[in-house]
Amino acid sequence: MDFIPVNPLNYTYKESIYYDYIGTPADNQFGLLGLEFYNESRKRIFGYSILLLPSSSGWHQMECYPLSYAYEYFPDIVNETKYVRPIIAHTYFREGMVNPEVEIRFDDIFFGIVENHPPTKPKITGPEKGKVGEEYEFEVVATDPDGDKVDYYVDWGDGTYEWYYYHDSGKKVKISHIWNKTGIYEIKVKARDRGMLESEWSDPLVVSMPKAYHSLWILLEKLNEWFISIFGRELLPRIFHI
């Protein structure tokens, strides 16, 4: 395939393909979608590939943003990249473990510049208080304007962070965490699309982990809830809820 000039610092590039397996492949026998990176002298400096996993549903689409993904981890290489060459292949990992009757068909092959937009600011919902050492579940959701899959990066507020990868745009995702010390924590989330564009941070969700739930605590909580239902305001100051 011919060399394709690229300008990865100013444009977003997408690579996609439809494929279909005819027959049952042996273990470690796959189709392959990839991209080779070349410098100004057309010397190969990097390679990127994705396995096209067999699907029983017939034609299946695979798409990626290889230059954006590579820039996240190898910015110096992408800065040097001036040309690329897409790769489409039928490959295997172990010789002798191939079904020769298998055919992989490819269609609607694309590589080019696309317009890309970051996901919306995520929303996070869940409990606002709990007990130290117990696991609590929350839900996060963001929408990508281009319909891309979304990754979520969670700051749990206690010095720990966590990625949740490859979720459908607009679909609520369950996340969970355990706090090991008492305190008040702010959970924040941001979303990232397949082109590595990131959203704003979510509004924080404040979670408190008090030392213990004593009988007096429970009684005061119920009294406060009753007071709110009758008079429309809290009997005790907000500081009570830590």
Protein backbone atom coordinates (compact mmCIF):
# COMPACT_ATOMS: atom_id res chain seq x y z
CA MET A 1 0.00 0.00 0.00
CA ASP A 2 1.24 3.52 -0.79
CA PHE A 3 2.69 5.87 1.82
CA ILE A 4 0.05 8.25 3.17
CA PRO A 5 1.23 11.67 4.41
CA VAL A 6 -0.11 12.62 7.85
CA ASN A 7 -0.06 15.57 10.24
CA PRO A 8 -0.95 13.90 13.55
CA LEU A 9 -0.45 16.97 15.73
CA ASN A 10 -3.15 18.96 13.93
CA TYR A 11 -5.64 16.31 12.81
CA THR A 12 -7.37 13.22 14.20
CA TYR A 13 -7.03 10.06 12.08
CA LYS A 14 -9.34 7.09 12.18
CA GLU A 15 -8.80 3.57 10.84
CA SER A 16 -11.70 1.17 10.41
CA ILE A 17 -12.69 -2.01 8.62
CA TYR A 18 -15.51 -4.53 8.27
CA TYR A 19 -14.49 -8.19 8.36
CA ASP A 20 -16.07 -11.63 8.33
CA TYR A 21 -14.61 -15.06 9.10
CA ILE A 22 -15.60 -17.83 6.70
CA GLY A 23 -14.97 -21.09 8.54
CA THR A 24 -13.71 -21.74 12.06
CA PRO A 25 -10.16 -20.51 12.74
CA ALA A 26 -7.70 -22.50 14.80
CA ASP A 27 -6.44 -21.14 18.10
CA ASN A 28 -4.09 -18.17 17.61
CA GLN A 29 -5.31 -17.61 14.03
CA PHE A 30 -6.63 -14.10 13.43
CA GLY A 31 -7.19 -11.27 11.07
CA LEU A 32 -5.08 -8.19 11.70
CA LEU A 33 -5.65 -4.45 11.27
CA GLY A 34 -2.57 -2.30 11.75
CA LEU A 35 -0.64 0.82 10.89
CA GLU A 36 3.07 1.39 10.23
CA PHE A 37 4.64 4.75 11.10
CA TYR A 38 7.41 6.31 8.97
CA ASN A 39 9.62 9.39 9.38
CA GLU A 40 10.47 12.05 6.80
CA SER A 41 12.94 9.65 5.11
CA ARG A 42 10.24 6.97 4.96
CA LYS A 43 12.09 4.84 7.45
CA ARG A 44 9.80 2.64 9.54
CA ILE A 45 9.89 3.79 13.18
CA PHE A 46 6.83 2.15 14.77
CA GLY A 47 4.03 -0.35 14.23
CA TYR A 48 0.56 -0.70 15.71
CA SER A 49 -1.90 -3.56 15.23
CA ILE A 50 -5.25 -4.87 16.49
CA LEU A 51 -6.47 -8.46 16.35
CA LEU A 52 -9.77 -8.91 14.54
CA LEU A 53 -11.42 -11.44 16.81
CA PRO A 54 -13.79 -14.01 15.27
CA SER A 55 -17.48 -13.16 15.54
CA SER A 56 -20.42 -15.50 15.04
CA SER A 57 -22.66 -12.64 13.90
CA GLY A 58 -21.21 -12.28 10.42
CA TRP A 59 -19.79 -8.94 9.32
CA HIS A 60 -18.24 -7.06 12.20
CA GLN A 61 -16.67 -3.59 12.40
CA MET A 62 -13.39 -2.69 14.06
CA GLU A 63 -12.27 0.93 14.36
CA CYS A 64 -9.49 2.79 16.17
CA TYR A 65 -7.55 6.05 16.32
CA PRO A 66 -4.00 4.64 16.08
CA LEU A 67 -2.11 7.93 15.89
CA SER A 68 -3.95 9.43 18.85
CA TYR A 69 -3.46 6.28 20.87
CA ALA A 70 0.25 6.13 20.06
CA TYR A 71 0.68 9.80 20.99
CA GLU A 72 -0.67 9.07 24.48
CA TYR A 73 2.23 6.68 25.14
CA PHE A 74 4.91 7.50 22.55
CA PRO A 75 4.67 11.26 21.81
CA ASP A 76 8.23 11.50 20.47
CA ILE A 77 7.52 8.82 17.84
CA VAL A 78 4.31 10.47 16.68
CA ASN A 79 6.05 13.86 16.50
CA GLU A 80 8.51 12.25 14.09
CA THR A 81 5.84 10.51 12.00
CA LYS A 82 5.26 11.97 8.52
CA TYR A 83 3.83 8.97 6.65
CA VAL A 84 1.83 5.85 7.46
CA ARG A 85 0.86 2.63 5.72
CA PRO A 86 -2.24 0.64 6.79
CA ILE A 87 -1.82 -3.11 7.27
CA ILE A 88 -4.49 -5.77 6.69
CA ALA A 89 -3.48 -9.39 7.13
CA HIS A 90 -4.46 -12.93 8.01
CA THR A 91 -1.95 -14.02 10.64
CA TYR A 92 -1.18 -16.69 13.22
CA PHE A 93 1.12 -17.02 16.23
CA ARG A 94 2.13 -20.66 16.08
CA GLU A 95 3.05 -22.42 12.88
CA GLY A 96 1.14 -25.64 12.36
CA MET A 97 -1.90 -24.39 14.30
CA VAL A 98 -3.74 -22.98 11.30
CA ASN A 99 -6.94 -24.07 9.63
CA PRO A 100 -6.14 -23.69 5.89
CA GLU A 101 -9.85 -23.68 4.99
CA VAL A 102 -10.51 -20.44 6.89
CA GLU A 103 -11.02 -17.28 4.87
CA ILE A 104 -11.25 -13.74 6.26
CA ARG A 105 -13.05 -11.24 4.07
CA PHE A 106 -12.50 -7.48 4.37
CA ASP A 107 -14.74 -4.62 3.26
CA ASP A 108 -15.22 -0.86 3.65
CA ILE A 109 -11.60 -0.20 4.61
CA PHE A 110 -10.97 3.38 5.74
CA PHE A 111 -8.06 5.50 6.91
CA GLY A 112 -8.30 9.28 6.98
CA ILE A 113 -8.99 12.49 8.83
CA VAL A 114 -12.15 12.65 10.92
CA GLU A 115 -13.70 15.32 13.08
CA ASN A 116 -13.58 14.36 16.73
CA HIS A 117 -15.15 15.88 19.84
CA PRO A 118 -14.55 15.15 23.53
CA PRO A 119 -17.18 13.38 25.64
CA THR A 120 -19.59 15.38 27.79
CA LYS A 121 -18.81 16.05 31.44
CA PRO A 122 -19.60 12.81 33.31
CA LYS A 123 -22.24 12.51 35.99
CA ILE A 124 -21.68 10.37 39.08
CA THR A 125 -24.34 9.14 41.49
CA GLY A 126 -24.29 6.94 44.57
CA PRO A 127 -24.28 6.88 48.38
CA GLU A 128 -22.96 9.93 50.20
CA LYS A 129 -21.90 8.19 53.41
CA GLY A 130 -20.84 4.79 54.57
CA LYS A 131 -18.57 2.72 56.79
CA VAL A 132 -14.83 2.28 56.58
CA GLY A 133 -13.82 -1.08 55.11
CA GLU A 134 -17.07 -1.70 53.21
CA GLU A 135 -17.41 -1.60 49.42
CA TYR A 136 -19.78 0.97 47.89
CA GLU A 137 -21.11 1.08 44.34
CA PHE A 138 -21.62 4.18 42.17
CA GLU A 139 -22.74 4.89 38.61
CA VAL A 140 -21.04 7.14 36.07
CA VAL A 141 -22.19 8.16 32.61
CA ALA A 142 -20.99 10.41 29.80
CA THR A 143 -21.95 10.78 26.15
CA ASP A 144 -19.56 11.02 23.24
CA PRO A 145 -20.89 13.29 20.43
CA ASP A 146 -19.31 11.00 17.83
CA GLY A 147 -20.66 7.81 19.35
CA ASP A 148 -17.22 6.50 20.33
CA LYS A 149 -16.62 4.09 23.17
CA VAL A 150 -15.71 5.87 26.41
CA ASP A 151 -13.10 5.23 29.11
CA TYR A 152 -13.60 6.60 32.63
CA TYR A 153 -10.83 7.83 34.92
CA VAL A 154 -11.90 7.97 38.58
CA ASP A 155 -10.24 9.97 41.35
CA TRP A 156 -11.53 8.40 44.57
CA GLY A 157 -10.34 11.30 46.73
CA ASP A 158 -8.10 9.15 48.93
CA GLY A 159 -5.01 9.24 46.75
CA THR A 160 -6.09 6.30 44.57
CA TYR A 161 -7.18 6.39 40.92
CA GLU A 162 -8.74 3.85 38.58
CA TRP A 163 -9.51 3.40 34.88
CA TYR A 164 -12.71 1.74 33.56
CA TYR A 165 -12.21 0.98 29.88
CA TYR A 166 -14.27 0.69 26.71
CA HIS A 167 -17.90 1.44 27.57
CA ASP A 168 -20.77 2.44 25.28
CA SER A 169 -21.47 6.15 24.96
CA GLY A 170 -24.41 7.22 27.15
CA LYS A 171 -24.59 3.92 29.05
CA LYS A 172 -24.39 3.97 32.85
CA VAL A 173 -21.33 2.18 34.19
CA LYS A 174 -21.04 0.71 37.68
CA ILE A 175 -17.87 1.44 39.64
CA SER A 176 -17.01 0.56 43.23
CA HIS A 177 -14.52 1.42 45.95
CA ILE A 178 -13.52 0.75 49.58
CA TRP A 179 -12.24 3.52 51.84
CA ASN A 180 -9.88 2.35 54.57
CA LYS A 181 -9.77 5.49 56.70
CA THR A 182 -12.39 7.78 58.21
CA GLY A 183 -12.83 11.16 56.56
CA ILE A 184 -14.64 13.14 53.88
CA TYR A 185 -13.76 12.30 50.28
CA GLU A 186 -14.54 13.95 46.92
CA ILE A 187 -15.02 11.53 44.02
CA LYS A 188 -14.33 13.01 40.57
CA VAL A 189 -14.53 11.40 37.14
CA LYS A 190 -13.48 12.35 33.63
CA ALA A 191 -14.22 10.56 30.37
CA ARG A 192 -11.97 9.88 27.36
CA ASP A 193 -12.95 8.81 23.86
CA ARG A 194 -11.08 6.48 21.49
CA GLY A 195 -9.31 9.47 19.96
CA MET A 196 -7.87 10.27 23.41
CA LEU A 197 -9.88 13.47 23.82
CA GLU A 198 -10.87 14.06 27.43
CA SER A 199 -13.94 15.63 29.01
CA GLU A 200 -14.06 18.08 31.87
CA TRP A 201 -13.92 16.68 35.37
CA SER A 202 -17.34 15.82 36.78
CA ASP A 203 -18.84 17.77 39.63
CA PRO A 204 -17.49 16.11 42.77
CA LEU A 205 -19.59 13.70 44.80
CA VAL A 206 -18.80 14.15 48.49
CA VAL A 207 -18.72 10.94 50.51
CA SER A 208 -18.25 10.77 54.29
CA MET A 209 -16.87 7.82 56.21
CA PRO A 210 -17.58 8.45 59.93
CA LYS A 211 -15.91 6.49 62.71
CA ALA A 212 -19.00 4.47 63.65
CA TYR A 213 -22.77 4.41 63.69
CA HIS A 214 -23.85 4.51 67.35
CA SER A 215 -27.44 4.24 68.54
CA LEU A 216 -27.41 7.96 69.42
CA TRP A 217 -26.27 8.75 65.87
CA ILE A 218 -29.16 6.76 64.40
CA LEU A 219 -31.67 8.46 66.73
CA LEU A 220 -30.43 11.94 65.81
CA GLU A 221 -30.58 11.06 62.10
CA LYS A 222 -34.20 10.01 62.37
CA LEU A 223 -35.02 13.15 64.38
CA ASN A 224 -33.39 15.31 61.72
CA GLU A 225 -35.34 13.58 58.91
CA TRP A 226 -38.61 14.07 60.82
CA PHE A 227 -37.83 17.76 61.36
CA ILE A 228 -37.15 18.26 57.64
CA SER A 229 -40.45 16.56 56.69
CA ILE A 230 -42.43 18.87 59.04
CA PHE A 231 -40.61 22.19 58.85
CA GLY A 232 -38.73 21.91 55.56
CA ARG A 233 -35.31 22.47 57.08
CA GLU A 234 -32.76 20.64 59.19
CA LEU A 235 -32.89 20.68 62.97
CA LEU A 236 -29.14 20.13 63.23
CA PRO A 237 -26.37 21.89 61.26
CA ARG A 238 -24.93 20.22 58.18
CA ILE A 239 -21.70 19.51 60.06
CA PHE A 240 -23.65 16.79 61.89
CA HIS A 241 -23.55 14.60 58.77
CA ILE A 242 -19.79 14.03 58.63
